[in-house]
Amino acid sequence: VFRINRRTDYAVRVMLALAKRPPGARLATQAIQEEMLVPRSFLQRIIAELSKAGLIVTFAGVSGGLELRSPAETINLRHIWEAIEGPL
């Protein structure tokens, strides 16, 4: 049985929020938190893990935010799972 833990579920939500935007569009972490109901306590760590895995790019500052590093069509659940939980 394949089970997804809470952190992985929230990571999928973050990636879905970004995938719904046009390529190159940045989304603020606050917007992700509100849209996808991801608790702030999880969000920063998940963002760091997704960034370290090369799935997202982070931008600081007033016009900062997050965006997908590659097209959404090329990212699958396994990529997200392994970014958060390690190799299957």
N, C-alpha and C. Protein backbone atom coordinates (compact mmCIF):
# COMPACT_ATOMS: atom_id res chain seq x y z
N VAL A 1 0.85 -1.18 0.00
CA VAL A 1 0.00 0.00 0.00
C VAL A 1 0.89 1.23 0.00
N PHE A 2 0.59 2.15 -0.86
CA PHE A 2 1.34 3.39 -1.02
C PHE A 2 0.68 4.47 -0.18
N ARG A 3 1.39 5.00 0.81
CA ARG A 3 0.83 6.03 1.66
C ARG A 3 1.61 7.33 1.50
N ILE A 4 0.90 8.42 1.48
CA ILE A 4 1.53 9.73 1.39
C ILE A 4 1.38 10.40 2.75
N ASN A 5 2.52 10.82 3.33
CA ASN A 5 2.44 11.48 4.63
C ASN A 5 2.02 12.94 4.46
N ARG A 6 1.83 13.61 5.56
CA ARG A 6 1.32 14.99 5.55
C ARG A 6 2.26 15.95 4.81
N ARG A 7 3.56 15.85 5.06
CA ARG A 7 4.51 16.76 4.38
C ARG A 7 4.47 16.57 2.87
N THR A 8 4.39 15.33 2.42
CA THR A 8 4.33 15.07 0.98
C THR A 8 3.02 15.59 0.40
N ASP A 9 1.93 15.43 1.12
CA ASP A 9 0.64 15.97 0.69
C ASP A 9 0.74 17.48 0.51
N TYR A 10 1.33 18.16 1.48
CA TYR A 10 1.47 19.61 1.38
C TYR A 10 2.41 20.00 0.23
N ALA A 11 3.44 19.21 0.00
CA ALA A 11 4.35 19.48 -1.11
C ALA A 11 3.63 19.36 -2.45
N VAL A 12 2.76 18.37 -2.56
CA VAL A 12 1.96 18.21 -3.79
C VAL A 12 1.06 19.43 -3.97
N ARG A 13 0.49 19.91 -2.89
CA ARG A 13 -0.36 21.11 -2.97
C ARG A 13 0.42 22.32 -3.45
N VAL A 14 1.63 22.48 -2.94
CA VAL A 14 2.48 23.60 -3.37
C VAL A 14 2.75 23.49 -4.87
N MET A 15 3.11 22.30 -5.32
CA MET A 15 3.41 22.11 -6.73
C MET A 15 2.18 22.31 -7.61
N LEU A 16 1.02 21.90 -7.14
CA LEU A 16 -0.22 22.12 -7.91
C LEU A 16 -0.53 23.61 -8.03
N ALA A 17 -0.33 24.35 -6.95
CA ALA A 17 -0.57 25.79 -7.00
C ALA A 17 0.32 26.45 -8.04
N LEU A 18 1.57 26.02 -8.11
CA LEU A 18 2.50 26.59 -9.09
C LEU A 18 2.19 26.10 -10.50
N ALA A 19 1.77 24.85 -10.64
CA ALA A 19 1.49 24.28 -11.96
C ALA A 19 0.27 24.93 -12.61
N LYS A 20 -0.64 25.47 -11.81
CA LYS A 20 -1.84 26.11 -12.36
C LYS A 20 -1.54 27.46 -12.99
N ARG A 21 -0.36 27.99 -12.76
CA ARG A 21 0.01 29.30 -13.28
C ARG A 21 0.70 29.15 -14.62
N PRO A 22 0.70 30.20 -15.43
CA PRO A 22 1.43 30.15 -16.71
C PRO A 22 2.93 29.97 -16.46
N PRO A 23 3.65 29.37 -17.39
CA PRO A 23 5.09 29.18 -17.23
C PRO A 23 5.78 30.52 -16.93
N GLY A 24 6.67 30.49 -15.96
CA GLY A 24 7.40 31.70 -15.59
C GLY A 24 6.69 32.61 -14.61
N ALA A 25 5.45 32.29 -14.28
CA ALA A 25 4.70 33.13 -13.33
C ALA A 25 5.14 32.81 -11.91
N ARG A 26 5.36 33.84 -11.12
CA ARG A 26 5.77 33.67 -9.73
C ARG A 26 4.55 33.77 -8.82
N LEU A 27 4.61 33.01 -7.75
CA LEU A 27 3.51 32.99 -6.79
C LEU A 27 4.10 33.19 -5.40
N ALA A 28 3.52 34.10 -4.64
CA ALA A 28 3.99 34.38 -3.28
C ALA A 28 3.65 33.22 -2.35
N THR A 29 4.51 33.00 -1.37
CA THR A 29 4.27 31.92 -0.42
C THR A 29 2.96 32.13 0.35
N GLN A 30 2.64 33.37 0.65
CA GLN A 30 1.39 33.67 1.35
C GLN A 30 0.19 33.22 0.51
N ALA A 31 0.25 33.44 -0.80
CA ALA A 31 -0.85 33.04 -1.68
C ALA A 31 -0.99 31.51 -1.71
N ILE A 32 0.13 30.82 -1.72
CA ILE A 32 0.09 29.35 -1.70
C ILE A 32 -0.51 28.87 -0.39
N GLN A 33 -0.06 29.47 0.70
CA GLN A 33 -0.56 29.09 2.01
C GLN A 33 -2.07 29.24 2.10
N GLU A 34 -2.60 30.33 1.60
CA GLU A 34 -4.04 30.58 1.67
C GLU A 34 -4.82 29.72 0.67
N GLU A 35 -4.31 29.59 -0.55
CA GLU A 35 -5.03 28.86 -1.59
C GLU A 35 -5.07 27.36 -1.32
N MET A 36 -3.96 26.81 -0.86
CA MET A 36 -3.84 25.36 -0.71
C MET A 36 -3.94 24.88 0.73
N LEU A 37 -4.21 25.80 1.65
CA LEU A 37 -4.40 25.46 3.07
C LEU A 37 -3.20 24.69 3.63
N VAL A 38 -2.01 25.20 3.35
CA VAL A 38 -0.78 24.61 3.87
C VAL A 38 -0.36 25.42 5.10
N PRO A 39 -0.24 24.78 6.25
CA PRO A 39 0.16 25.51 7.45
C PRO A 39 1.55 26.13 7.29
N ARG A 40 1.70 27.33 7.80
CA ARG A 40 2.97 28.05 7.70
C ARG A 40 4.12 27.24 8.29
N SER A 41 3.84 26.48 9.35
CA SER A 41 4.88 25.69 10.00
C SER A 41 5.48 24.64 9.05
N PHE A 42 4.74 24.19 8.07
CA PHE A 42 5.23 23.22 7.10
C PHE A 42 5.79 23.91 5.85
N LEU A 43 5.22 25.02 5.49
CA LEU A 43 5.47 25.62 4.18
C LEU A 43 6.93 25.95 3.93
N GLN A 44 7.60 26.62 4.85
CA GLN A 44 8.98 27.03 4.60
C GLN A 44 9.92 25.84 4.42
N ARG A 45 9.73 24.81 5.21
CA ARG A 45 10.58 23.63 5.08
C ARG A 45 10.31 22.90 3.76
N ILE A 46 9.05 22.79 3.39
CA ILE A 46 8.70 22.14 2.13
C ILE A 46 9.29 22.91 0.95
N ILE A 47 9.19 24.22 1.00
CA ILE A 47 9.76 25.05 -0.07
C ILE A 47 11.26 24.81 -0.17
N ALA A 48 11.94 24.76 0.97
CA ALA A 48 13.39 24.52 0.96
C ALA A 48 13.72 23.16 0.35
N GLU A 49 12.94 22.14 0.69
CA GLU A 49 13.21 20.80 0.16
C GLU A 49 12.93 20.72 -1.33
N LEU A 50 11.85 21.34 -1.78
CA LEU A 50 11.53 21.33 -3.22
C LEU A 50 12.58 22.11 -4.01
N SER A 51 13.06 23.19 -3.43
CA SER A 51 14.10 23.99 -4.08
C SER A 51 15.41 23.21 -4.16
N LYS A 52 15.79 22.57 -3.07
CA LYS A 52 17.02 21.78 -3.03
C LYS A 52 16.98 20.64 -4.05
N ALA A 53 15.79 20.08 -4.26
CA ALA A 53 15.61 18.99 -5.23
C ALA A 53 15.57 19.50 -6.67
N GLY A 54 15.53 20.81 -6.85
CA GLY A 54 15.53 21.38 -8.19
C GLY A 54 14.17 21.43 -8.86
N LEU A 55 13.11 21.30 -8.07
CA LEU A 55 11.77 21.34 -8.64
C LEU A 55 11.21 22.75 -8.75
N ILE A 56 11.63 23.63 -7.83
CA ILE A 56 11.16 25.01 -7.87
C ILE A 56 12.34 25.97 -7.75
N VAL A 57 12.08 27.21 -8.10
CA VAL A 57 13.06 28.28 -7.95
C VAL A 57 12.43 29.32 -7.04
N THR A 58 13.21 29.84 -6.10
CA THR A 58 12.71 30.86 -5.18
C THR A 58 13.36 32.20 -5.51
N PHE A 59 12.58 33.26 -5.36
CA PHE A 59 13.05 34.62 -5.60
C PHE A 59 12.71 35.47 -4.38
N ALA A 60 13.69 36.18 -3.87
CA ALA A 60 13.48 37.03 -2.70
C ALA A 60 13.04 38.43 -3.13
N GLY A 61 12.53 39.17 -2.17
CA GLY A 61 12.19 40.56 -2.42
C GLY A 61 10.72 40.80 -2.67
N VAL A 62 10.42 42.07 -2.95
CA VAL A 62 9.04 42.51 -3.15
C VAL A 62 8.38 41.78 -4.31
N SER A 63 9.10 41.62 -5.41
CA SER A 63 8.53 40.93 -6.57
C SER A 63 8.96 39.47 -6.61
N GLY A 64 9.33 38.93 -5.47
CA GLY A 64 9.80 37.56 -5.39
C GLY A 64 8.65 36.56 -5.39
N GLY A 65 8.96 35.37 -5.00
CA GLY A 65 7.97 34.30 -4.96
C GLY A 65 8.59 33.00 -5.40
N LEU A 66 7.75 32.10 -5.85
CA LEU A 66 8.18 30.78 -6.30
C LEU A 66 7.71 30.54 -7.72
N GLU A 67 8.46 29.73 -8.43
CA GLU A 67 8.00 29.26 -9.74
C GLU A 67 8.60 27.90 -10.00
N LEU A 68 7.98 27.15 -10.88
CA LEU A 68 8.49 25.83 -11.25
C LEU A 68 9.78 25.99 -12.04
N ARG A 69 10.73 25.11 -11.79
CA ARG A 69 12.00 25.16 -12.53
C ARG A 69 11.83 24.62 -13.96
N SER A 70 10.93 23.65 -14.12
CA SER A 70 10.70 23.06 -15.44
C SER A 70 9.20 22.99 -15.70
N PRO A 71 8.79 22.74 -16.93
CA PRO A 71 7.35 22.69 -17.23
C PRO A 71 6.62 21.67 -16.36
N ALA A 72 5.41 22.00 -15.99
CA ALA A 72 4.61 21.15 -15.11
C ALA A 72 4.42 19.75 -15.69
N GLU A 73 4.34 19.64 -17.00
CA GLU A 73 4.12 18.34 -17.64
C GLU A 73 5.27 17.37 -17.40
N THR A 74 6.43 17.88 -17.05
CA THR A 74 7.60 17.02 -16.86
C THR A 74 7.79 16.57 -15.41
N ILE A 75 6.94 17.05 -14.51
CA ILE A 75 7.06 16.73 -13.09
C ILE A 75 5.97 15.74 -12.72
N ASN A 76 6.35 14.66 -12.03
CA ASN A 76 5.35 13.69 -11.60
C ASN A 76 5.40 13.50 -10.08
N LEU A 77 4.50 12.71 -9.57
CA LEU A 77 4.40 12.49 -8.13
C LEU A 77 5.68 11.90 -7.55
N ARG A 78 6.33 11.06 -8.30
CA ARG A 78 7.58 10.46 -7.81
C ARG A 78 8.64 11.54 -7.55
N HIS A 79 8.75 12.51 -8.43
CA HIS A 79 9.71 13.60 -8.21
C HIS A 79 9.43 14.31 -6.89
N ILE A 80 8.17 14.59 -6.63
CA ILE A 80 7.79 15.29 -5.40
C ILE A 80 8.04 14.40 -4.19
N TRP A 81 7.62 13.14 -4.29
CA TRP A 81 7.81 12.18 -3.19
C TRP A 81 9.30 12.11 -2.81
N GLU A 82 10.16 11.93 -3.82
CA GLU A 82 11.57 11.77 -3.52
C GLU A 82 12.21 13.06 -3.01
N ALA A 83 11.69 14.20 -3.38
CA ALA A 83 12.20 15.47 -2.85
C ALA A 83 11.93 15.59 -1.36
N ILE A 84 10.81 15.05 -0.92
CA ILE A 84 10.40 15.17 0.48
C ILE A 84 10.84 13.97 1.32
N GLU A 85 10.69 12.77 0.78
CA GLU A 85 10.91 11.57 1.59
C GLU A 85 12.15 10.77 1.23
N GLY A 86 12.78 11.08 0.13
CA GLY A 86 13.95 10.31 -0.29
C GLY A 86 13.56 9.29 -1.34
N PRO A 87 14.54 8.55 -1.83
CA PRO A 87 14.28 7.58 -2.91
C PRO A 87 13.26 6.52 -2.53
N LEU A 88 12.46 6.12 -3.51
CA LEU A 88 11.47 5.04 -3.28
C LEU A 88 12.17 3.71 -3.18
